[in-house]
Every structure is written in structure tokens, then in C-alpha cells.
Amino acid sequence: MKKIYLTQAKRQHPLLKVWNDYPEILQNANSILPYPSIESIIGEMFAPGKFYYYIINFADSTICNHHENILTMHGLNKYPVHLKEITDLIHPDDLEFVMEAERMCIEKMKEIDGFDYQQELKTSYCFRMRTSKGNYELFHHQALHTHKDEHGRLLQAVNIHSNIEHITHQNSYTVLVSGINGREDFHQMQWLKQDKMYESKPVIFTKREVEIINCIAKGYSAGKISDLLSISEETVRTHRKNILKKSDSKNSSELIKKAFEWGYL
């Protein structure tokens, strides 16, 4: 009889209801895992503001190797040990979206046969979290799977949370599954079960324009974007000009704000 793998947690949290619907992709055996290279992961992700990271162990939903900013940004006295301590910081009205966003990411990876190369896929979406001020502000969540077992089941992931309230307070309720380490996947999904609407209809960008927008959001110069995408600096400047015009943005800051609100970042 095939063994069913279910993740466990000493402190139950809402995401278990989603993860345990997919026992074929999650490993529940406790094991000592090496910490991934955070520096290389940060290089693949971006944090447009103050951020922190932590590692999740899927077997028991413990978290470790936190960035020190997690204490000051949320007003915590000690580093959280259980994922529930993180989910308890999420605005209660956003928990349903967070659970569905996780499900949407898993279903999309199943659809594209992404479990074979999920370490080259990044998932991201936004939700509100309680801060040290005692209020709730919008955070950008990015996740990257870092370890799998010999059967391909997940063991570990790194999450990065960036406060983007200074950029926008409008959540687009959009979920992204995108490629890293040379993969070119870009899957944008909209959560429909909510009352929020766009203030304006989002612009449709081409794949190349999305790449340029991501580079602009990381603060890269035209020269660096040119090197990364193997195009001339003049082509980069032309794309940037066209993107600003298409999005009706006066500058890069306004473009990044709209890109978040439209779910491109």
C-alpha cells in the first residue's frame, strides 16, 4: 500500500488545509537539511523596500534562519519558530486569499509539469501583515523551493517578505508563477472571489516588457539590463520609453506602483 505523506505541525496553521490536499508533493519525514545560499536566492528575487526572509521546513512547519528585520518590522520580541506565528500576522480578511494563492500555485505547477523543475520556479503574491506600528500594511511575498527528496517531494523553501506599503496599498489579488535561473516561465493568475476591483484596467505587457519591468524594479541600469537580456542599451531605453507610455507612467516609481497593482511583480 502506498504511503500517504502529510505534513505535520505542533502548532496548526491554515496552509496545512491546502498542503495536505497534495500529499504526493510534500515530504513529512524530519531530516537535517543544509541552509541554502541566501545570497544567490536574493539575487533571483527582489525586495523593493525593507524585507526579511526565513526558511520553512515542510515536514513540521517549523521556520529558521531568519533575517533580523523580521523582529523590527513586526515588533516581535523573539524569532518565530512555527509557521503559525507568521500566518497569525496576516490580516484575517486576507487569509482566504493566501490559502487559495497557495493552491493556485500548486495547481499551476501540476498543469505545466513544474514539479520536475520547481526549484527553478518562483511564486509570488501580496497580502497585508501586522507591523510594529500595530496596523496592517501590504507585503509582497516571494517563495522559492530549495530542497526536495529523492522522490521529488518538497522538503524546504525560502520565503521573502517585503513591505511595499510605500509603493501601493492596493492588492491586485494576482498570483504569479515565474521562472528563475534561466527559465522563462511566466504564469499570471487572478483570484476572482473577492470584491476588490482595479482602479483602472491593467495594461497587457509583452513577455520582453515584463522582463524589463522586473529589471527596472530591481534598480538595474540600462547597461546591466542590456547584459542580462543580451540586447543593446538603446533597445533597453526604447523598451523603457514604450513601457512608460503604455502604462501612462511619468517615471519608474509610478511604473513599479502600477506593476504591483496590476500583478506583474
Protein backbone atom coordinates (compact mmCIF):
# COMPACT_ATOMS: atom_id res chain seq x y z
CA MET A 1 0.00 0.00 0.00
CA LYS A 2 1.39 3.37 -0.99
CA LYS A 3 2.28 5.57 1.96
CA ILE A 4 0.44 8.89 2.16
CA TYR A 5 2.68 11.76 3.16
CA LEU A 6 1.05 14.52 5.17
CA THR A 7 2.87 17.45 6.69
CA GLN A 8 2.58 17.87 10.44
CA ALA A 9 2.81 20.89 12.73
CA LYS A 10 2.93 21.25 16.50
CA ARG A 11 1.04 24.49 16.02
CA GLN A 12 -1.65 24.16 13.36
CA HIS A 13 -1.93 26.86 10.68
CA PRO A 14 -4.37 27.46 7.77
CA LEU A 15 -1.98 26.43 4.98
CA LEU A 16 -1.98 22.82 6.18
CA LYS A 17 -5.52 22.53 4.79
CA VAL A 18 -4.09 23.27 1.35
CA TRP A 19 -0.76 21.44 1.53
CA ASN A 20 -2.26 18.20 2.78
CA ASP A 21 -4.52 18.03 -0.27
CA TYR A 22 -1.30 17.32 -2.20
CA PRO A 23 0.49 14.54 -0.25
CA GLU A 24 2.33 13.45 -3.38
CA ILE A 25 4.45 16.61 -3.38
CA LEU A 26 5.22 17.16 0.31
CA GLN A 27 7.63 15.16 2.47
CA ASN A 28 6.78 14.59 6.14
CA ALA A 29 9.99 12.90 7.28
CA ASN A 30 12.11 15.06 9.57
CA SER A 31 15.69 15.36 8.43
CA ILE A 32 18.57 17.76 8.91
CA LEU A 33 18.88 19.97 5.84
CA PRO A 34 21.63 22.42 4.94
CA TYR A 35 20.71 26.08 4.73
CA PRO A 36 20.53 27.27 1.11
CA SER A 37 22.68 30.11 -0.14
CA ILE A 38 20.51 33.11 0.74
CA GLU A 39 22.75 35.44 -1.25
CA SER A 40 22.10 33.59 -4.51
CA ILE A 41 18.37 33.45 -3.79
CA ILE A 42 18.21 37.18 -3.09
CA GLY A 43 19.89 37.68 -6.43
CA GLU A 44 16.99 35.90 -8.16
CA MET A 45 14.36 37.81 -6.20
CA PHE A 46 14.00 41.48 -5.44
CA ALA A 47 12.91 43.48 -2.44
CA PRO A 48 11.63 46.98 -3.29
CA GLY A 49 11.78 48.12 0.31
CA LYS A 50 12.60 46.75 3.73
CA PHE A 51 12.45 42.96 3.75
CA TYR A 52 13.24 39.80 5.67
CA TYR A 53 13.47 36.10 4.88
CA TYR A 54 13.11 32.78 6.65
CA ILE A 55 13.33 29.07 5.82
CA ILE A 56 10.31 26.74 6.06
CA ASN A 57 10.73 23.04 6.82
CA PHE A 58 7.65 21.42 5.31
CA ALA A 59 7.77 18.28 7.45
CA ASP A 60 6.69 20.07 10.62
CA SER A 61 6.09 23.70 9.55
CA THR A 62 8.98 25.00 11.60
CA ILE A 63 10.89 28.04 10.43
CA CYS A 64 14.53 29.02 10.95
CA ASN A 65 17.47 31.07 9.67
CA HIS A 66 15.52 34.32 9.87
CA HIS A 67 16.73 37.70 8.69
CA GLU A 68 16.91 40.04 11.69
CA ASN A 69 14.46 42.53 10.11
CA ILE A 70 11.59 40.18 10.95
CA LEU A 71 11.82 41.36 14.57
CA THR A 72 11.72 45.10 13.99
CA MET A 73 9.25 45.04 11.08
CA HIS A 74 6.64 43.12 13.06
CA GLY A 75 7.57 44.25 16.57
CA LEU A 76 8.48 40.73 17.72
CA ASN A 77 10.49 40.03 20.87
CA LYS A 78 11.95 36.77 19.60
CA TYR A 79 12.34 34.89 16.35
CA PRO A 80 9.27 32.83 15.41
CA VAL A 81 9.74 29.07 15.41
CA HIS A 82 6.45 27.89 13.88
CA LEU A 83 4.85 29.00 10.62
CA LYS A 84 1.66 29.71 12.58
CA GLU A 85 3.45 32.66 14.14
CA ILE A 86 3.77 34.10 10.63
CA THR A 87 0.24 33.31 9.49
CA ASP A 88 -1.08 34.91 12.70
CA LEU A 89 0.41 38.20 11.45
CA ILE A 90 -1.66 38.10 8.24
CA HIS A 91 -4.81 40.22 8.11
CA PRO A 92 -7.78 37.91 8.85
CA ASP A 93 -9.56 39.13 5.72
CA ASP A 94 -6.58 38.07 3.57
CA LEU A 95 -6.18 34.53 4.90
CA GLU A 96 -8.65 33.04 2.42
CA PHE A 97 -6.72 34.61 -0.45
CA VAL A 98 -3.37 33.35 0.90
CA MET A 99 -4.73 29.80 1.10
CA GLU A 100 -6.19 29.97 -2.40
CA ALA A 101 -2.99 31.54 -3.75
CA GLU A 102 -1.02 28.56 -2.44
CA ARG A 103 -3.49 26.20 -4.09
CA MET A 104 -3.34 28.12 -7.37
CA CYS A 105 0.46 27.88 -7.38
CA ILE A 106 0.42 24.13 -6.77
CA GLU A 107 -2.25 23.54 -9.42
CA LYS A 108 -0.35 25.64 -11.96
CA MET A 109 2.84 23.66 -11.33
CA LYS A 110 0.89 20.44 -11.81
CA GLU A 111 -0.53 21.79 -15.06
CA ILE A 112 2.86 22.70 -16.52
CA ASP A 113 4.63 19.61 -15.12
CA GLY A 114 6.54 22.05 -12.95
CA PHE A 115 7.23 19.65 -10.09
CA ASP A 116 10.18 18.30 -12.06
CA TYR A 117 11.84 21.72 -12.04
CA GLN A 118 10.09 23.58 -9.20
CA GLN A 119 13.45 24.76 -7.85
CA GLU A 120 13.58 26.94 -10.96
CA LEU A 121 10.11 28.40 -10.31
CA LYS A 122 9.28 31.34 -8.04
CA THR A 123 5.81 32.01 -6.65
CA SER A 124 4.66 35.44 -5.50
CA TYR A 125 1.58 37.38 -4.38
CA CYS A 126 0.67 40.10 -1.88
CA PHE A 127 -1.23 40.30 1.41
CA ARG A 128 -1.49 42.54 4.46
CA MET A 129 0.51 41.85 7.63
CA ARG A 130 0.54 43.38 11.07
CA THR A 131 3.53 45.66 11.65
CA SER A 132 5.35 47.03 14.68
CA LYS A 133 3.09 50.10 14.45
CA GLY A 134 0.11 47.92 15.33
CA ASN A 135 -1.54 48.41 11.92
CA TYR A 136 -1.69 46.28 8.78
CA GLU A 137 0.40 47.09 5.71
CA LEU A 138 0.80 45.45 2.31
CA PHE A 139 3.63 42.93 1.93
CA HIS A 140 4.98 41.26 -1.19
CA HIS A 141 5.58 37.53 -0.66
CA GLN A 142 8.07 35.53 -2.75
CA ALA A 143 8.84 31.83 -2.30
CA LEU A 144 11.48 29.56 -3.77
CA HIS A 145 11.73 25.80 -3.18
CA THR A 146 15.25 24.88 -2.15
CA HIS A 147 15.31 21.15 -1.29
CA LYS A 148 13.43 18.03 -2.46
CA ASP A 149 13.79 14.37 -1.50
CA GLU A 150 14.74 11.59 -3.90
CA HIS A 151 11.08 11.16 -4.87
CA GLY A 152 10.63 14.84 -5.71
CA ARG A 153 8.63 15.78 -2.62
CA LEU A 154 9.27 19.19 -1.10
CA LEU A 155 11.42 19.47 1.97
CA GLN A 156 12.27 23.14 2.30
CA ALA A 157 11.58 26.60 0.92
CA VAL A 158 12.76 30.17 1.45
CA ASN A 159 10.19 32.95 1.83
CA ILE A 160 10.99 36.62 1.38
CA HIS A 161 8.56 39.28 2.62
CA SER A 162 8.95 42.90 1.54
CA ASN A 163 6.89 45.80 2.87
CA ILE A 164 5.52 47.63 -0.19
CA GLU A 165 3.07 49.95 1.58
CA HIS A 166 5.24 52.89 0.46
CA ILE A 167 4.67 51.81 -3.15
CA THR A 168 0.98 50.84 -3.04
CA HIS A 169 -1.69 49.76 -0.59
CA GLN A 170 -3.85 48.21 -3.33
CA ASN A 171 -3.73 44.43 -3.59
CA SER A 172 -4.40 43.11 -7.09
CA TYR A 173 -5.09 39.59 -5.73
CA THR A 174 -2.89 38.29 -8.53
CA VAL A 175 -0.69 35.19 -8.19
CA LEU A 176 2.48 34.66 -10.20
CA VAL A 177 4.48 31.54 -11.01
CA SER A 178 7.60 32.64 -12.85
CA GLY A 179 10.89 31.12 -13.92
CA ILE A 180 14.33 31.81 -12.45
CA ASN A 181 17.84 30.52 -13.17
CA GLY A 182 17.27 30.92 -16.89
CA ARG A 183 13.75 29.53 -17.08
CA GLU A 184 11.30 31.80 -18.90
CA ASP A 185 8.01 30.68 -17.34
CA PHE A 186 5.52 33.46 -16.57
CA HIS A 187 2.04 32.46 -15.39
CA GLN A 188 -0.23 35.21 -14.09
CA MET A 189 -3.44 34.16 -12.30
CA GLN A 190 -6.25 36.29 -10.92
CA TRP A 191 -8.17 35.41 -7.76
CA LEU A 192 -11.80 36.16 -8.59
CA LYS A 193 -13.55 35.51 -5.30
CA GLN A 194 -13.18 38.98 -3.86
CA ASP A 195 -14.86 42.37 -4.13
CA LYS A 196 -11.79 44.44 -4.91
CA MET A 197 -11.65 45.85 -8.40
CA TYR A 198 -8.88 47.57 -10.34
CA GLU A 199 -9.00 51.35 -10.20
CA SER A 200 -8.14 51.21 -13.90
CA LYS A 201 -7.93 48.40 -16.43
CA PRO A 202 -4.44 46.86 -16.33
CA VAL A 203 -2.24 47.13 -19.39
CA ILE A 204 -1.14 43.96 -21.16
CA PHE A 205 2.64 43.84 -21.43
CA THR A 206 4.64 41.57 -23.70
CA LYS A 207 6.98 38.94 -22.25
CA ARG A 208 10.01 41.12 -23.03
CA GLU A 209 8.36 44.15 -21.42
CA VAL A 210 7.70 42.12 -18.26
CA GLU A 211 11.39 41.19 -18.17
CA ILE A 212 12.33 44.85 -18.49
CA ILE A 213 9.85 45.86 -15.77
CA ASN A 214 11.31 43.27 -13.38
CA CYS A 215 14.80 44.61 -14.05
CA ILE A 216 13.67 48.21 -13.52
CA ALA A 217 12.05 47.16 -10.23
CA LYS A 218 15.40 45.71 -9.13
CA GLY A 219 17.01 49.08 -9.82
CA TYR A 220 19.20 47.82 -12.67
CA SER A 221 20.81 50.30 -15.05
CA ALA A 222 20.26 50.17 -18.79
CA GLY A 223 23.74 48.70 -19.13
CA LYS A 224 23.07 45.85 -16.71
CA ILE A 225 19.69 45.10 -18.30
CA SER A 226 21.44 45.06 -21.67
CA ASP A 227 23.93 42.48 -20.42
CA LEU A 228 21.30 40.32 -18.70
CA LEU A 229 18.92 40.19 -21.66
CA SER A 230 21.56 40.24 -24.41
CA ILE A 231 20.09 43.30 -26.10
CA SER A 232 21.59 46.72 -26.79
CA GLU A 233 21.29 49.60 -24.33
CA GLU A 234 19.43 51.56 -26.98
CA THR A 235 16.87 48.75 -27.22
CA VAL A 236 16.53 48.79 -23.43
CA ARG A 237 15.88 52.54 -23.46
CA THR A 238 13.34 52.14 -26.27
CA HIS A 239 11.50 49.41 -24.32
CA ARG A 240 11.50 51.57 -21.18
CA LYS A 241 10.10 54.53 -23.11
CA ASN A 242 7.37 52.35 -24.65
CA ILE A 243 6.52 50.76 -21.29
CA LEU A 244 6.16 54.15 -19.60
CA LYS A 245 3.93 55.35 -22.43
CA LYS A 246 1.83 52.18 -22.47
CA SER A 247 1.30 52.31 -18.70
CA ASP A 248 0.79 56.10 -18.70
CA SER A 249 3.58 56.41 -16.12
CA LYS A 250 5.69 59.54 -15.65
CA ASN A 251 8.67 57.70 -14.19
CA SER A 252 9.94 54.33 -12.96
CA SER A 253 8.45 54.78 -9.48
CA GLU A 254 4.97 55.23 -10.90
CA LEU A 255 5.52 52.28 -13.24
CA ILE A 256 6.54 49.98 -10.36
CA LYS A 257 3.47 51.03 -8.34
CA LYS A 258 1.18 50.15 -11.25
CA ALA A 259 3.07 46.92 -11.97
CA PHE A 260 2.37 45.77 -8.40
CA GLU A 261 -1.28 46.81 -8.60
CA TRP A 262 -1.69 45.03 -11.92
CA GLY A 263 0.04 41.86 -10.67
CA TYR A 264 3.18 41.90 -12.79
CA LEU A 265 5.58 41.82 -9.83
